[in-house]
């Protein structure tokens, strides 16, 4: 019987696959999460919007989204309006209110 021969192409492909799998295992163990930024933005939006709508009646008591403070965050935004204009593709106070479910 003849011995099994592997072409060099198969060996290269297997080596690349092993390297990629090892890289994925390392990323898993160090806690890499590519979606963590969007989750944090959504969490900030929900916090700001609930504060705005529940405590200020969607601004009917004189509050604006620029007067709603946000907790400390890695984005450096301090108000709901800054979050809307800087990260949520909104350019006006009215659009920011709509994003929070206010008319």
Protein backbone atom coordinates (compact mmCIF):
# COMPACT_ATOMS: atom_id res chain seq x y z
CA UNK A 1 0.00 0.00 0.00
CA UNK A 2 1.07 3.45 -0.74
CA UNK A 3 1.34 6.06 2.02
CA UNK A 4 -1.17 8.92 2.19
CA UNK A 5 0.17 12.04 0.57
CA UNK A 6 -1.19 15.51 1.30
CA UNK A 7 -0.66 18.29 -1.16
CA UNK A 8 1.08 21.37 0.22
CA UNK A 9 -2.12 23.43 -0.44
CA UNK A 10 -4.07 21.36 2.08
CA UNK A 11 -1.38 21.82 4.72
CA UNK A 12 -1.38 25.60 4.22
CA UNK A 13 -5.19 25.77 4.47
CA UNK A 14 -5.19 23.67 7.65
CA UNK A 15 -2.48 25.87 9.19
CA UNK A 16 -4.46 29.05 8.41
CA UNK A 17 -7.65 27.51 9.85
CA UNK A 18 -5.85 26.58 13.08
CA UNK A 19 -4.43 30.11 13.43
CA UNK A 20 -7.87 31.68 12.89
CA UNK A 21 -9.49 29.35 15.42
CA UNK A 22 -6.80 30.11 17.99
CA UNK A 23 -7.36 33.82 17.42
CA UNK A 24 -11.10 33.44 18.00
CA UNK A 25 -10.49 31.49 21.21
CA UNK A 26 -8.16 34.24 22.47
CA UNK A 27 -10.71 36.96 21.64
CA UNK A 28 -13.39 34.97 23.45
CA UNK A 29 -11.32 34.63 26.61
CA UNK A 30 -10.25 38.28 26.77
CA UNK A 31 -13.89 39.36 26.44
CA UNK A 32 -13.87 41.04 23.04
CA UNK A 33 -17.40 42.16 22.13
CA UNK A 34 -17.82 44.18 18.91
CA UNK A 35 -21.40 45.13 19.84
CA UNK A 36 -20.66 46.59 23.26
CA UNK A 37 -20.59 50.17 21.91
CA UNK A 38 -24.07 50.06 20.48
CA UNK A 39 -25.43 48.43 23.62
CA UNK A 40 -23.96 51.22 25.70
CA UNK A 41 -25.44 53.87 23.40
CA UNK A 42 -28.83 52.19 23.59
CA UNK A 43 -28.59 51.98 27.36
CA UNK A 44 -27.69 55.67 27.58
CA UNK A 45 -30.59 56.58 25.29
CA UNK A 46 -33.02 54.53 27.36
CA UNK A 47 -31.79 56.10 30.61
CA UNK A 48 -32.03 59.63 29.24
CA UNK A 49 -35.38 59.10 27.55
CA UNK A 50 -37.01 57.52 30.59
CA UNK A 51 -35.74 60.38 32.75
CA UNK A 52 -37.06 62.90 30.22
CA UNK A 53 -40.48 61.37 29.66
CA UNK A 54 -41.24 60.14 33.18
CA UNK A 55 -39.85 63.00 35.23
CA UNK A 56 -40.54 65.89 32.86
CA UNK A 57 -43.59 64.69 30.92
CA UNK A 58 -41.77 64.75 27.56
CA UNK A 59 -40.82 68.37 28.16
CA UNK A 60 -44.30 69.62 29.01
CA UNK A 61 -42.86 70.98 32.27
CA UNK A 62 -40.27 73.15 30.55
CA UNK A 63 -37.45 70.63 30.26
CA UNK A 64 -35.55 70.09 27.03
CA UNK A 65 -33.41 67.14 26.03
CA UNK A 66 -30.36 69.39 26.48
CA UNK A 67 -31.25 69.77 30.17
CA UNK A 68 -31.35 65.99 30.79
CA UNK A 69 -28.04 64.84 32.28
CA UNK A 70 -26.64 61.41 31.47
CA UNK A 71 -24.46 59.24 33.70
CA UNK A 72 -20.70 59.24 33.11
CA UNK A 73 -19.85 57.27 29.98
CA UNK A 74 -17.01 56.45 27.62
CA UNK A 75 -18.51 58.60 24.83
CA UNK A 76 -18.05 61.85 26.73
CA UNK A 77 -21.65 62.99 26.23
CA UNK A 78 -23.25 64.65 29.22
CA UNK A 79 -26.77 65.41 27.97
CA UNK A 80 -29.48 63.56 26.10
CA UNK A 81 -29.39 66.14 23.31
CA UNK A 82 -25.62 65.68 22.87
CA UNK A 83 -26.18 61.93 22.58
CA UNK A 84 -28.93 62.43 19.99
CA UNK A 85 -26.93 64.82 17.82
CA UNK A 86 -23.55 63.17 18.23
CA UNK A 87 -24.35 59.47 18.00
CA UNK A 88 -27.99 58.85 17.07
CA UNK A 89 -28.18 60.77 13.75
CA UNK A 90 -30.64 63.36 15.03
CA UNK A 91 -30.20 67.07 14.45
CA UNK A 92 -33.06 68.87 16.24
CA UNK A 93 -34.70 68.95 19.66
CA UNK A 94 -37.98 67.75 18.15
CA UNK A 95 -36.32 64.73 16.53
CA UNK A 96 -34.60 63.85 19.79
CA UNK A 97 -37.99 64.00 21.56
CA UNK A 98 -39.48 61.72 18.88
CA UNK A 99 -36.61 59.28 19.38
CA UNK A 100 -37.74 59.08 23.00
CA UNK A 101 -41.33 58.40 21.99
CA UNK A 102 -42.60 61.91 22.63
CA UNK A 103 -44.72 63.75 20.09
